[in-house]
């Protein structure tokens, strides 16, 4: 079992220089507003995941009027592991490796994964699948690349200066990559559903179901049927100026009890 023993921060966010030690098991971080509790959690997340949980640029992590920030972490287990990160004008430099350790962040705004629109649910599911299958990030990137190109072709036709044939030329690639995205999402959601269902039952809240609804339909195994559906929607897409079929329009529904 791996345990975070300590963290060192210098010129990170509001910390001029500070060190923290942690105990095995649950640790609570308590203090008045503005002391840097969330900043400490952000440092932990950044050290473990290599990115900030707040979605800001890395340079914003450096303390005001300082040129660089330094972070370090020490993890005990079968073997002692250490990692150090320096953030400066050239981005970040890392030394050391923390293989096999991941971080999960849950913040108050994350409730919008349930209460908000489908985009937040898609993003959360995609982040979870990427943690399980690293290759999924490439699949997502390729799908969105094709989607952007197809949307540009649709907008060109709507403006009166494009060719519908160019829209259709992107259909096979959109069907191919879109099918892969939906299949990976569906598999990831099934795995997550098992874990979530076990937790809600243990808490006496009843069973939980997670359902993925795709605009590509139920015939994901047949890319030709997906392409024909795109062709039928072509007029509506030109009217709207955007692609109306694909995993960028997926919806995820949670049903409790």
C-alpha atoms as a PDB file:
ATOM      1  CA  UNK A   1       0.000   0.000   0.000  1.00  0.00           C
ATOM      2  CA  UNK A   2       1.358   3.398  -1.032  1.00  0.00           C
ATOM      3  CA  UNK A   3       1.024   6.303   1.417  1.00  0.00           C
ATOM      4  CA  UNK A   4       1.797   9.978   0.833  1.00  0.00           C
ATOM      5  CA  UNK A   5       4.233  10.904   3.604  1.00  0.00           C
ATOM      6  CA  UNK A   6       4.823  14.562   2.862  1.00  0.00           C
ATOM      7  CA  UNK A   7       4.609  17.466   0.446  1.00  0.00           C
ATOM      8  CA  UNK A   8       6.939  20.453   0.027  1.00  0.00           C
ATOM      9  CA  UNK A   9       5.843  23.720  -1.613  1.00  0.00           C
ATOM     10  CA  UNK A  10       7.805  26.841  -2.486  1.00  0.00           C
ATOM     11  CA  UNK A  11       6.260  29.872  -4.204  1.00  0.00           C
ATOM     12  CA  UNK A  12       3.227  27.804  -5.156  1.00  0.00           C
ATOM     13  CA  UNK A  13      -0.022  29.804  -5.126  1.00  0.00           C
ATOM     14  CA  UNK A  14      -0.113  31.597  -1.724  1.00  0.00           C
ATOM     15  CA  UNK A  15       2.649  29.465  -0.173  1.00  0.00           C
ATOM     16  CA  UNK A  16       6.016  31.162   0.195  1.00  0.00           C
ATOM     17  CA  UNK A  17       7.534  27.962   1.593  1.00  0.00           C
ATOM     18  CA  UNK A  18       5.810  25.178   3.495  1.00  0.00           C
ATOM     19  CA  UNK A  19       6.016  21.466   4.242  1.00  0.00           C
ATOM     20  CA  UNK A  20       3.238  19.077   5.222  1.00  0.00           C
ATOM     21  CA  UNK A  21       3.290  15.575   6.674  1.00  0.00           C
ATOM     22  CA  UNK A  22       0.428  13.094   6.370  1.00  0.00           C
ATOM     23  CA  UNK A  23      -0.587  10.051   8.367  1.00  0.00           C
ATOM     24  CA  UNK A  24      -1.742   6.681   7.083  1.00  0.00           C
ATOM     25  CA  UNK A  25      -5.495   6.635   6.572  1.00  0.00           C
ATOM     26  CA  UNK A  26      -7.879   9.583   6.332  1.00  0.00           C
ATOM     27  CA  UNK A  27      -6.389  13.069   6.678  1.00  0.00           C
ATOM     28  CA  UNK A  28      -8.483  16.217   7.264  1.00  0.00           C
ATOM     29  CA  UNK A  29      -7.168  19.638   6.236  1.00  0.00           C
ATOM     30  CA  UNK A  30      -8.728  22.284   8.492  1.00  0.00           C
ATOM     31  CA  UNK A  31      -8.178  26.052   8.609  1.00  0.00           C
ATOM     32  CA  UNK A  32      -9.731  29.484   8.183  1.00  0.00           C
ATOM     33  CA  UNK A  33     -10.751  30.851   4.803  1.00  0.00           C
ATOM     34  CA  UNK A  34      -7.901  32.046   2.627  1.00  0.00           C
ATOM     35  CA  UNK A  35      -5.132  30.059   4.296  1.00  0.00           C
ATOM     36  CA  UNK A  36      -4.569  27.786   1.287  1.00  0.00           C
ATOM     37  CA  UNK A  37      -6.444  24.536   2.017  1.00  0.00           C
ATOM     38  CA  UNK A  38      -7.633  24.196  -1.600  1.00  0.00           C
ATOM     39  CA  UNK A  39      -4.205  25.248  -2.866  1.00  0.00           C
ATOM     40  CA  UNK A  40      -2.651  22.362  -0.921  1.00  0.00           C
ATOM     41  CA  UNK A  41      -5.130  19.932  -2.475  1.00  0.00           C
ATOM     42  CA  UNK A  42      -4.363  21.402  -5.887  1.00  0.00           C
ATOM     43  CA  UNK A  43      -0.648  20.840  -5.289  1.00  0.00           C
ATOM     44  CA  UNK A  44      -1.297  17.184  -4.412  1.00  0.00           C
ATOM     45  CA  UNK A  45      -3.442  16.718  -7.508  1.00  0.00           C
ATOM     46  CA  UNK A  46      -0.851  18.450  -9.688  1.00  0.00           C
ATOM     47  CA  UNK A  47       1.966  16.278  -8.354  1.00  0.00           C
ATOM     48  CA  UNK A  48       0.002  13.064  -8.918  1.00  0.00           C
ATOM     49  CA  UNK A  49      -1.768  13.895 -12.194  1.00  0.00           C
ATOM     50  CA  UNK A  50       0.554  16.421 -13.815  1.00  0.00           C
ATOM     51  CA  UNK A  51      -2.267  18.942 -14.359  1.00  0.00           C
ATOM     52  CA  UNK A  52      -4.272  21.356 -12.260  1.00  0.00           C
ATOM     53  CA  UNK A  53      -7.766  20.455 -11.082  1.00  0.00           C
ATOM     54  CA  UNK A  54      -8.950  24.033 -11.662  1.00  0.00           C
ATOM     55  CA  UNK A  55      -8.344  24.098 -15.397  1.00  0.00           C
ATOM     56  CA  UNK A  56      -6.021  27.122 -15.328  1.00  0.00           C
ATOM     57  CA  UNK A  57      -2.723  27.700 -17.104  1.00  0.00           C
ATOM     58  CA  UNK A  58       0.300  26.269 -15.318  1.00  0.00           C
ATOM     59  CA  UNK A  59       1.960  29.687 -15.029  1.00  0.00           C
ATOM     60  CA  UNK A  60      -0.894  30.802 -12.762  1.00  0.00           C
ATOM     61  CA  UNK A  61       0.315  28.341 -10.108  1.00  0.00           C
ATOM     62  CA  UNK A  62       3.452  30.406  -9.473  1.00  0.00           C
ATOM     63  CA  UNK A  63       3.210  32.776  -6.503  1.00  0.00           C
ATOM     64  CA  UNK A  64       2.641  36.429  -7.324  1.00  0.00           C
ATOM     65  CA  UNK A  65       5.797  38.269  -8.415  1.00  0.00           C
ATOM     66  CA  UNK A  66       7.907  35.095  -8.341  1.00  0.00           C
ATOM     67  CA  UNK A  67       9.681  33.581 -11.338  1.00  0.00           C
ATOM     68  CA  UNK A  68       9.181  29.921 -10.517  1.00  0.00           C
ATOM     69  CA  UNK A  69       7.487  27.483  -8.136  1.00  0.00           C
ATOM     70  CA  UNK A  70       8.791  24.212  -6.719  1.00  0.00           C
ATOM     71  CA  UNK A  71       6.808  21.215  -5.512  1.00  0.00           C
ATOM     72  CA  UNK A  72       7.928  17.903  -4.048  1.00  0.00           C
ATOM     73  CA  UNK A  73       6.201  14.770  -2.800  1.00  0.00           C
ATOM     74  CA  UNK A  74       7.385  11.699  -0.929  1.00  0.00           C
ATOM     75  CA  UNK A  75       5.467   8.405  -1.082  1.00  0.00           C
ATOM     76  CA  UNK A  76       6.187   5.280   0.944  1.00  0.00           C
ATOM     77  CA  UNK A  77       5.254   1.737  -0.006  1.00  0.00           C
ATOM     78  CA  UNK A  78       7.189  -1.309  -1.131  1.00  0.00           C
ATOM     79  CA  UNK A  79       9.817   1.205  -2.230  1.00  0.00           C
ATOM     80  CA  UNK A  80      10.201   4.877  -1.382  1.00  0.00           C
ATOM     81  CA  UNK A  81       9.283   7.187  -4.270  1.00  0.00           C
ATOM     82  CA  UNK A  82       9.850  10.882  -4.696  1.00  0.00           C
ATOM     83  CA  UNK A  83       8.865  13.395  -7.334  1.00  0.00           C
ATOM     84  CA  UNK A  84       9.788  17.037  -7.838  1.00  0.00           C
ATOM     85  CA  UNK A  85       8.264  19.585 -10.213  1.00  0.00           C
ATOM     86  CA  UNK A  86       9.543  23.039 -11.076  1.00  0.00           C
ATOM     87  CA  UNK A  87       7.226  25.499 -12.818  1.00  0.00           C
ATOM     88  CA  UNK A  88       8.763  28.436 -14.671  1.00  0.00           C
ATOM     89  CA  UNK A  89       8.412  30.456 -17.840  1.00  0.00           C
ATOM     90  CA  UNK A  90       9.317  27.412 -19.910  1.00  0.00           C
ATOM     91  CA  UNK A  91       6.471  25.325 -18.460  1.00  0.00           C
ATOM     92  CA  UNK A  92       7.214  22.502 -16.029  1.00  0.00           C
ATOM     93  CA  UNK A  93      10.173  20.198 -15.438  1.00  0.00           C
ATOM     94  CA  UNK A  94       9.795  16.937 -13.553  1.00  0.00           C
ATOM     95  CA  UNK A  95      12.172  14.618 -11.752  1.00  0.00           C
ATOM     96  CA  UNK A  96      11.173  11.265 -10.313  1.00  0.00           C
ATOM     97  CA  UNK A  97       8.253   8.966 -10.999  1.00  0.00           C
ATOM     98  CA  UNK A  98       5.101   8.050  -9.063  1.00  0.00           C
ATOM     99  CA  UNK A  99       3.919   5.068 -11.081  1.00  0.00           C
ATOM    100  CA  UNK A 100       0.688   3.421 -10.035  1.00  0.00           C
ATOM    101  CA  UNK A 101      -0.652   6.390  -8.036  1.00  0.00           C
ATOM    102  CA  UNK A 102      -3.646   8.381  -9.252  1.00  0.00           C
ATOM    103  CA  UNK A 103      -5.747  11.202  -7.805  1.00  0.00           C
ATOM    104  CA  UNK A 104      -9.483  11.835  -7.979  1.00  0.00           C
ATOM    105  CA  UNK A 105     -10.812  15.317  -7.245  1.00  0.00           C
ATOM    106  CA  UNK A 106     -14.400  16.063  -6.252  1.00  0.00           C
ATOM    107  CA  UNK A 107     -15.348  19.722  -5.771  1.00  0.00           C
ATOM    108  CA  UNK A 108     -18.689  21.426  -4.937  1.00  0.00           C
ATOM    109  CA  UNK A 109     -19.154  22.507  -8.569  1.00  0.00           C
ATOM    110  CA  UNK A 110     -18.960  18.855  -9.650  1.00  0.00           C
ATOM    111  CA  UNK A 111     -22.612  18.467  -8.627  1.00  0.00           C
ATOM    112  CA  UNK A 112     -23.354  20.005 -12.025  1.00  0.00           C
ATOM    113  CA  UNK A 113     -22.331  16.660 -13.496  1.00  0.00           C
ATOM    114  CA  UNK A 114     -25.838  15.618 -12.417  1.00  0.00           C
ATOM    115  CA  UNK A 115     -27.748  18.904 -12.287  1.00  0.00           C
ATOM    116  CA  UNK A 116     -26.188  20.568 -15.329  1.00  0.00           C
ATOM    117  CA  UNK A 117     -26.306  19.877 -19.036  1.00  0.00           C
ATOM    118  CA  UNK A 118     -25.048  16.783 -20.888  1.00  0.00           C
ATOM    119  CA  UNK A 119     -21.687  18.362 -21.783  1.00  0.00           C
ATOM    120  CA  UNK A 120     -20.457  18.149 -18.175  1.00  0.00           C
ATOM    121  CA  UNK A 121     -21.504  14.484 -17.961  1.00  0.00           C
ATOM    122  CA  UNK A 122     -19.740  13.640 -21.218  1.00  0.00           C
ATOM    123  CA  UNK A 123     -16.584  15.390 -20.053  1.00  0.00           C
ATOM    124  CA  UNK A 124     -16.585  13.591 -16.698  1.00  0.00           C
ATOM    125  CA  UNK A 125     -17.122  10.202 -18.334  1.00  0.00           C
ATOM    126  CA  UNK A 126     -14.392  10.865 -20.907  1.00  0.00           C
ATOM    127  CA  UNK A 127     -11.918  11.801 -18.151  1.00  0.00           C
ATOM    128  CA  UNK A 128     -12.726   8.560 -16.333  1.00  0.00           C
ATOM    129  CA  UNK A 129     -12.300   6.440 -19.487  1.00  0.00           C
ATOM    130  CA  UNK A 130      -8.963   8.131 -20.278  1.00  0.00           C
ATOM    131  CA  UNK A 131      -7.689   7.047 -16.853  1.00  0.00           C
ATOM    132  CA  UNK A 132      -8.603   3.444 -17.705  1.00  0.00           C
ATOM    133  CA  UNK A 133      -7.545   3.449 -21.363  1.00  0.00           C
ATOM    134  CA  UNK A 134      -4.853   5.922 -22.319  1.00  0.00           C
ATOM    135  CA  UNK A 135      -5.492   5.368 -26.023  1.00  0.00           C
ATOM    136  CA  UNK A 136      -8.970   6.844 -25.652  1.00  0.00           C
ATOM    137  CA  UNK A 137      -7.465  10.343 -25.580  1.00  0.00           C
ATOM    138  CA  UNK A 138      -6.212   9.804 -29.153  1.00  0.00           C
ATOM    139  CA  UNK A 139      -9.646   8.516 -30.220  1.00  0.00           C
ATOM    140  CA  UNK A 140     -11.324  11.611 -28.787  1.00  0.00           C
ATOM    141  CA  UNK A 141      -8.803  13.919 -30.420  1.00  0.00           C
ATOM    142  CA  UNK A 142      -9.294  12.322 -33.852  1.00  0.00           C
ATOM    143  CA  UNK A 143     -13.074  12.443 -33.535  1.00  0.00           C
ATOM    144  CA  UNK A 144     -13.089  16.148 -32.650  1.00  0.00           C
ATOM    145  CA  UNK A 145     -10.638  16.880 -35.484  1.00  0.00           C
ATOM    146  CA  UNK A 146     -13.021  15.276 -38.003  1.00  0.00           C
ATOM    147  CA  UNK A 147     -16.011  16.983 -36.349  1.00  0.00           C
ATOM    148  CA  UNK A 148     -14.418  20.427 -36.732  1.00  0.00           C
ATOM    149  CA  UNK A 149     -13.666  19.803 -40.411  1.00  0.00           C
ATOM    150  CA  UNK A 150     -17.187  18.577 -41.114  1.00  0.00           C
ATOM    151  CA  UNK A 151     -18.727  21.538 -39.281  1.00  0.00           C
ATOM    152  CA  UNK A 152     -16.649  23.908 -41.409  1.00  0.00           C
ATOM    153  CA  UNK A 153     -17.938  22.185 -44.544  1.00  0.00           C
ATOM    154  CA  UNK A 154     -21.533  22.520 -43.291  1.00  0.00           C
ATOM    155  CA  UNK A 155     -21.082  26.223 -42.513  1.00  0.00           C
ATOM    156  CA  UNK A 156     -19.606  26.811 -45.978  1.00  0.00           C
ATOM    157  CA  UNK A 157     -22.715  25.312 -47.626  1.00  0.00           C
ATOM    158  CA  UNK A 158     -24.979  27.343 -45.326  1.00  0.00           C
ATOM    159  CA  UNK A 159     -23.176  30.516 -46.433  1.00  0.00           C
ATOM    160  CA  UNK A 160     -23.783  29.508 -50.040  1.00  0.00           C
ATOM    161  CA  UNK A 161     -20.178  28.923 -51.004  1.00  0.00           C
ATOM    162  CA  UNK A 162     -19.643  25.242 -50.257  1.00  0.00           C
ATOM    163  CA  UNK A 163     -20.243  21.831 -51.773  1.00  0.00           C
ATOM    164  CA  UNK A 164     -22.445  19.209 -50.132  1.00  0.00           C
ATOM    165  CA  UNK A 165     -20.075  16.580 -51.444  1.00  0.00           C
ATOM    166  CA  UNK A 166     -17.412  17.871 -49.067  1.00  0.00           C
ATOM    167  CA  UNK A 167     -19.762  17.338 -46.124  1.00  0.00           C
ATOM    168  CA  UNK A 168     -20.392  13.747 -47.220  1.00  0.00           C
ATOM    169  CA  UNK A 169     -16.683  13.089 -47.684  1.00  0.00           C
ATOM    170  CA  UNK A 170     -16.261  13.424 -43.902  1.00  0.00           C
ATOM    171  CA  UNK A 171     -19.162  11.065 -43.085  1.00  0.00           C
ATOM    172  CA  UNK A 172     -17.179   7.780 -43.111  1.00  0.00           C
ATOM    173  CA  UNK A 173     -14.490   9.173 -40.793  1.00  0.00           C
ATOM    174  CA  UNK A 174     -17.064  10.695 -38.456  1.00  0.00           C
ATOM    175  CA  UNK A 175     -18.904   7.365 -38.324  1.00  0.00           C
ATOM    176  CA  UNK A 176     -15.657   5.449 -37.711  1.00  0.00           C
ATOM    177  CA  UNK A 177     -14.261   7.600 -34.909  1.00  0.00           C
ATOM    178  CA  UNK A 178     -17.691   8.381 -33.466  1.00  0.00           C
ATOM    179  CA  UNK A 179     -18.495   4.684 -33.206  1.00  0.00           C
ATOM    180  CA  UNK A 180     -15.233   4.087 -31.343  1.00  0.00           C
ATOM    181  CA  UNK A 181     -15.927   6.939 -28.893  1.00  0.00           C
ATOM    182  CA  UNK A 182     -19.434   5.701 -28.111  1.00  0.00           C
ATOM    183  CA  UNK A 183     -18.295   2.098 -27.641  1.00  0.00           C
ATOM    184  CA  UNK A 184     -15.507   3.125 -25.242  1.00  0.00           C
ATOM    185  CA  UNK A 185     -17.897   5.372 -23.323  1.00  0.00           C
ATOM    186  CA  UNK A 186     -20.485   2.616 -23.062  1.00  0.00           C
ATOM    187  CA  UNK A 187     -17.943   0.121 -21.724  1.00  0.00           C
ATOM    188  CA  UNK A 188     -16.545   2.654 -19.266  1.00  0.00           C
ATOM    189  CA  UNK A 189     -20.036   3.589 -18.079  1.00  0.00           C
ATOM    190  CA  UNK A 190     -20.913  -0.076 -17.477  1.00  0.00           C
ATOM    191  CA  UNK A 191     -17.815  -0.479 -15.301  1.00  0.00           C
ATOM    192  CA  UNK A 192     -18.566   2.720 -13.390  1.00  0.00           C
ATOM    193  CA  UNK A 193     -22.203   1.718 -12.968  1.00  0.00           C
ATOM    194  CA  UNK A 194     -21.201  -1.474 -11.135  1.00  0.00           C
ATOM    195  CA  UNK A 195     -19.102   0.497  -8.646  1.00  0.00           C
ATOM    196  CA  UNK A 196     -21.699   3.258  -8.180  1.00  0.00           C
ATOM    197  CA  UNK A 197     -24.534   0.762  -7.783  1.00  0.00           C
ATOM    198  CA  UNK A 198     -22.618  -1.095  -5.056  1.00  0.00           C
ATOM    199  CA  UNK A 199     -22.007   2.174  -3.187  1.00  0.00           C
ATOM    200  CA  UNK A 200     -25.606   3.435  -3.355  1.00  0.00           C
ATOM    201  CA  UNK A 201     -26.930   0.067  -2.174  1.00  0.00           C
ATOM    202  CA  UNK A 202     -24.417   0.020   0.678  1.00  0.00           C
ATOM    203  CA  UNK A 203     -25.626   3.472   1.704  1.00  0.00           C
ATOM    204  CA  UNK A 204     -29.247   2.302   1.608  1.00  0.00           C
ATOM    205  CA  UNK A 205     -30.164   4.547  -1.333  1.00  0.00           C
ATOM    206  CA  UNK A 206     -31.362   1.813  -3.698  1.00  0.00           C
ATOM    207  CA  UNK A 207     -29.901   0.649  -6.972  1.00  0.00           C
ATOM    208  CA  UNK A 208     -28.351   3.035  -9.475  1.00  0.00           C
ATOM    209  CA  UNK A 209     -28.544   2.759 -13.245  1.00  0.00           C
ATOM    210  CA  UNK A 210     -26.448   4.730 -15.725  1.00  0.00           C
ATOM    211  CA  UNK A 211     -27.670   4.891 -19.310  1.00  0.00           C
ATOM    212  CA  UNK A 212     -25.930   6.246 -22.399  1.00  0.00           C
ATOM    213  CA  UNK A 213     -28.127   7.597 -25.198  1.00  0.00           C
ATOM    214  CA  UNK A 214     -26.336   8.183 -28.496  1.00  0.00           C
ATOM    215  CA  UNK A 215     -27.622  10.216 -31.432  1.00  0.00           C
ATOM    216  CA  UNK A 216     -25.869   7.658 -33.660  1.00  0.00           C
ATOM    217  CA  UNK A 217     -28.531   5.132 -32.668  1.00  0.00           C
ATOM    218  CA  UNK A 218     -28.339   1.518 -31.540  1.00  0.00           C
ATOM    219  CA  UNK A 219     -26.731   0.192 -34.736  1.00  0.00           C
ATOM    220  CA  UNK A 220     -23.147   1.083 -33.880  1.00  0.00           C
ATOM    221  CA  UNK A 221     -21.886  -2.123 -35.457  1.00  0.00           C
ATOM    222  CA  UNK A 222     -23.079  -0.945 -38.880  1.00  0.00           C
ATOM    223  CA  UNK A 223     -21.208   2.189 -39.958  1.00  0.00           C
ATOM    224  CA  UNK A 224     -23.148   2.267 -43.248  1.00  0.00           C
ATOM    225  CA  UNK A 225     -26.420   2.748 -41.339  1.00  0.00           C
ATOM    226  CA  UNK A 226     -24.824   5.603 -39.383  1.00  0.00           C
ATOM    227  CA  UNK A 227     -23.710   7.230 -42.643  1.00  0.00           C
ATOM    228  CA  UNK A 228     -27.202   6.907 -44.137  1.00  0.00           C
ATOM    229  CA  UNK A 229     -28.610   8.563 -41.026  1.00  0.00           C
ATOM    230  CA  UNK A 230     -26.166  11.424 -41.492  1.00  0.00           C
ATOM    231  CA  UNK A 231     -27.274  11.842 -45.079  1.00  0.00           C
ATOM    232  CA  UNK A 232     -30.930  12.015 -43.997  1.00  0.00           C
ATOM    233  CA  UNK A 233     -30.028  14.725 -41.458  1.00  0.00           C
ATOM    234  CA  UNK A 234     -27.975  16.748 -43.931  1.00  0.00           C
ATOM    235  CA  UNK A 235     -30.643  19.361 -44.635  1.00  0.00           C
ATOM    236  CA  UNK A 236     -31.285  19.979 -40.942  1.00  0.00           C
ATOM    237  CA  UNK A 237     -27.546  20.202 -40.285  1.00  0.00           C
ATOM    238  CA  UNK A 238     -27.073  22.843 -42.981  1.00  0.00           C
ATOM    239  CA  UNK A 239     -29.983  24.784 -41.512  1.00  0.00           C
ATOM    240  CA  UNK A 240     -28.412  24.654 -38.050  1.00  0.00           C
ATOM    241  CA  UNK A 241     -24.849  25.076 -39.288  1.00  0.00           C
ATOM    242  CA  UNK A 242     -23.494  22.128 -37.312  1.00  0.00           C
ATOM    243  CA  UNK A 243     -23.255  18.344 -37.127  1.00  0.00           C
ATOM    244  CA  UNK A 244     -26.299  16.921 -35.344  1.00  0.00           C
ATOM    245  CA  UNK A 245     -25.211  13.265 -35.112  1.00  0.00           C
ATOM    246  CA  UNK A 246     -22.282  11.957 -33.100  1.00  0.00           C
ATOM    247  CA  UNK A 247     -20.951  11.400 -29.590  1.00  0.00           C
ATOM    248  CA  UNK A 248     -20.647  15.181 -29.062  1.00  0.00           C
ATOM    249  CA  UNK A 249     -24.434  15.017 -28.594  1.00  0.00           C
ATOM    250  CA  UNK A 250     -24.551  11.956 -26.337  1.00  0.00           C
ATOM    251  CA  UNK A 251     -26.620  12.095 -23.160  1.00  0.00           C
ATOM    252  CA  UNK A 252     -25.927  10.174 -19.952  1.00  0.00           C
ATOM    253  CA  UNK A 253     -28.813   9.615 -17.546  1.00  0.00           C
ATOM    254  CA  UNK A 254     -28.547   8.422 -13.962  1.00  0.00           C
ATOM    255  CA  UNK A 255     -31.529   6.768 -12.302  1.00  0.00           C
ATOM    256  CA  UNK A 256     -31.450   6.147  -8.560  1.00  0.00           C
ATOM    257  CA  UNK A 257     -33.894   3.755  -6.936  1.00  0.00           C
END
